[in-house]
C-alpha atoms as a PDB file:
ATOM      1  CA  MET A   1      82.396  73.378 137.769  1.00  0.00           C
ATOM      2  CA  LEU A   2      82.870  76.938 136.734  1.00  0.00           C
ATOM      3  CA  LYS A   3      83.911  79.658 139.570  1.00  0.00           C
ATOM      4  CA  LYS A   4      81.295  82.446 139.847  1.00  0.00           C
ATOM      5  CA  VAL A   5      83.001  85.813 139.175  1.00  0.00           C
ATOM      6  CA  ARG A   6      81.280  88.946 140.639  1.00  0.00           C
ATOM      7  CA  ARG A   7      80.440  91.337 137.974  1.00  0.00           C
ATOM      8  CA  ILE A   8      80.786  94.997 138.120  1.00  0.00           C
ATOM      9  CA  LYS A   9      77.513  96.758 137.370  1.00  0.00           C
ATOM     10  CA  VAL A  10      77.151 100.057 136.228  1.00  0.00           C
ATOM     11  CA  GLY A  11      74.569 102.857 137.264  1.00  0.00           C
ATOM     12  CA  LYS A  12      71.284 103.401 135.019  1.00  0.00           C
ATOM     13  CA  GLN A  13      72.626 106.534 133.705  1.00  0.00           C
ATOM     14  CA  ALA A  14      75.941 104.715 132.508  1.00  0.00           C
ATOM     15  CA  TYR A  15      74.228 101.909 131.266  1.00  0.00           C
ATOM     16  CA  ARG A  16      71.998 103.951 129.373  1.00  0.00           C
ATOM     17  CA  ARG A  17      75.052 105.780 128.082  1.00  0.00           C
ATOM     18  CA  LEU A  18      75.945 102.258 126.701  1.00  0.00           C
ATOM     19  CA  LEU A  19      73.052 101.007 125.253  1.00  0.00           C
ATOM     20  CA  THR A  20      72.673 104.209 122.888  1.00  0.00           C
ATOM     21  CA  ARG A  21      76.604 103.724 122.045  1.00  0.00           C
ATOM     22  CA  VAL A  22      76.050 100.336 120.545  1.00  0.00           C
ATOM     23  CA  MET A  23      72.674 101.617 118.418  1.00  0.00           C
ATOM     24  CA  GLU A  24      75.056 104.446 117.388  1.00  0.00           C
ATOM     25  CA  ARG A  25      77.961 101.959 116.365  1.00  0.00           C
ATOM     26  CA  ASP A  26      75.295  99.732 114.995  1.00  0.00           C
ATOM     27  CA  GLY A  27      74.029 103.004 112.703  1.00  0.00           C
ATOM     28  CA  TRP A  28      70.194 102.332 114.256  1.00  0.00           C
ATOM     29  CA  ARG A  29      69.418  99.587 112.513  1.00  0.00           C
ATOM     30  CA  CYS A  30      68.808  95.713 113.568  1.00  0.00           C
ATOM     31  CA  GLN A  31      72.028  94.099 113.022  1.00  0.00           C
ATOM     32  CA  LYS A  32      70.098  90.542 112.005  1.00  0.00           C
ATOM     33  CA  CYS A  33      67.295  91.512 110.112  1.00  0.00           C
ATOM     34  CA  GLY A  34      68.467  95.956 109.257  1.00  0.00           C
ATOM     35  CA  SER A  35      65.012  96.946 110.698  1.00  0.00           C
ATOM     36  CA  LEU A  36      64.633 100.139 112.122  1.00  0.00           C
ATOM     37  CA  LYS A  37      61.788  99.787 114.229  1.00  0.00           C
ATOM     38  CA  ASP A  38      61.502  98.467 117.761  1.00  0.00           C
ATOM     39  CA  LEU A  39      65.731  98.644 118.693  1.00  0.00           C
ATOM     40  CA  GLN A  40      66.775  96.509 121.646  1.00  0.00           C
ATOM     41  CA  VAL A  41      70.309  95.583 123.201  1.00  0.00           C
ATOM     42  CA  HIS A  42      71.373  91.736 122.929  1.00  0.00           C
ATOM     43  CA  HIS A  43      74.462  90.345 125.269  1.00  0.00           C
ATOM     44  CA  GLN A  44      75.824  88.184 122.741  1.00  0.00           C
ATOM     45  CA  LYS A  45      77.221  86.329 125.380  1.00  0.00           C
ATOM     46  CA  TYR A  46      74.464  86.351 127.974  1.00  0.00           C
ATOM     47  CA  ARG A  47      75.082  88.001 131.702  1.00  0.00           C
ATOM     48  CA  SER A  48      73.526  84.529 132.668  1.00  0.00           C
ATOM     49  CA  ARG A  49      76.688  82.896 131.390  1.00  0.00           C
ATOM     50  CA  GLN A  50      79.168  85.383 132.469  1.00  0.00           C
ATOM     51  CA  GLY A  51      78.750  87.570 129.591  1.00  0.00           C
ATOM     52  CA  ASN A  52      79.992  91.305 129.982  1.00  0.00           C
ATOM     53  CA  ASP A  53      78.771  94.716 128.821  1.00  0.00           C
ATOM     54  CA  SER A  54      81.259  95.638 126.613  1.00  0.00           C
ATOM     55  CA  LEU A  55      80.813  97.067 123.598  1.00  0.00           C
ATOM     56  CA  ALA A  56      82.003  93.986 121.730  1.00  0.00           C
ATOM     57  CA  ASN A  57      79.486  91.898 123.338  1.00  0.00           C
ATOM     58  CA  LEU A  58      76.635  93.751 122.495  1.00  0.00           C
ATOM     59  CA  VAL A  59      74.618  94.079 119.455  1.00  0.00           C
ATOM     60  CA  THR A  60      71.247  95.829 118.366  1.00  0.00           C
ATOM     61  CA  LEU A  61      68.598  94.000 117.128  1.00  0.00           C
ATOM     62  CA  CYS A  62      65.126  94.609 116.506  1.00  0.00           C
ATOM     63  CA  THR A  63      62.624  92.887 118.998  1.00  0.00           C
ATOM     64  CA  TYR A  64      61.632  90.218 116.797  1.00  0.00           C
ATOM     65  CA  CYS A  65      65.414  89.072 115.928  1.00  0.00           C
ATOM     66  CA  HIS A  66      66.099  89.308 119.924  1.00  0.00           C
ATOM     67  CA  MET A  67      62.904  87.004 120.973  1.00  0.00           C
ATOM     68  CA  GLU A  68      64.477  85.019 118.543  1.00  0.00           C
ATOM     69  CA  GLU A  69      67.743  84.978 119.427  1.00  0.00           C
ATOM     70  CA  HIS A  70      66.609  83.927 122.756  1.00  0.00           C
ATOM     71  CA  GLY A  71      64.596  80.980 121.261  1.00  0.00           C
ATOM     72  CA  GLN A  72      61.228  82.637 122.560  1.00  0.00           C
ATOM     73  CA  LEU A  73      59.586  82.037 118.855  1.00  0.00           C
ATOM     74  CA  SER A  74      57.421  79.323 117.190  1.00  0.00           C
ATOM     75  CA  TYR A  75      56.629  81.556 114.022  1.00  0.00           C
ATOM     76  CA  SER A  76      58.602  83.380 111.194  1.00  0.00           C
ATOM     77  CA  LYS A  77      58.647  86.988 110.476  1.00  0.00           C
ATOM     78  CA  ALA A  78      57.009  86.463 107.721  1.00  0.00           C
ATOM     79  CA  ALA A  79      54.108  85.034 109.594  1.00  0.00           C
ATOM     80  CA  VAL A  80      53.606  87.554 111.310  1.00  0.00           C
ATOM     81  CA  LYS A  81      53.388  90.267 108.895  1.00  0.00           C
ATOM     82  CA  GLN A  82      50.445  87.964 106.781  1.00  0.00           C
ATOM     83  CA  ASN A  83      48.530  87.614 110.292  1.00  0.00           C
ATOM     84  CA  SER A  84      49.132  91.406 111.036  1.00  0.00           C
ATOM     85  CA  ALA A  85      47.763  92.277 107.609  1.00  0.00           C
ATOM     86  CA  PRO A  86      44.306  94.777 107.857  1.00  0.00           C
ATOM     87  CA  MET A  87      41.521  92.588 107.179  1.00  0.00           C
ATOM     88  CA  HIS A  88      39.176  94.450 104.451  1.00  0.00           C
ATOM     89  CA  LYS A  89      35.536  94.302 105.083  1.00  0.00           C
ATOM     90  CA  PRO A  90      33.599  93.279 102.245  1.00  0.00           C
ATOM     91  CA  SER A  91      31.741  95.628 100.115  1.00  0.00           C
ATOM     92  CA  VAL A  92      27.587  95.792 100.089  1.00  0.00           C
END
């Protein structure tokens, strides 16, 4: 059984600076799909599995790809785009 290692917690300001550095390094783009919108920072090795907050363990992902990484999606990006297209009213 793994011995739980106490992780060092950084302050809020230091953590925000770290997230900004990750996004700058990644060119403010999702590293999975290239999107420039709704960016988040993902721990490649989860904190719950003793992942740390090092630059090497963090990657920029859009919200969709981040959710997909965590297995929280049951539909494809194409389906989302198709279903979010504006509906046109029939002309009278």
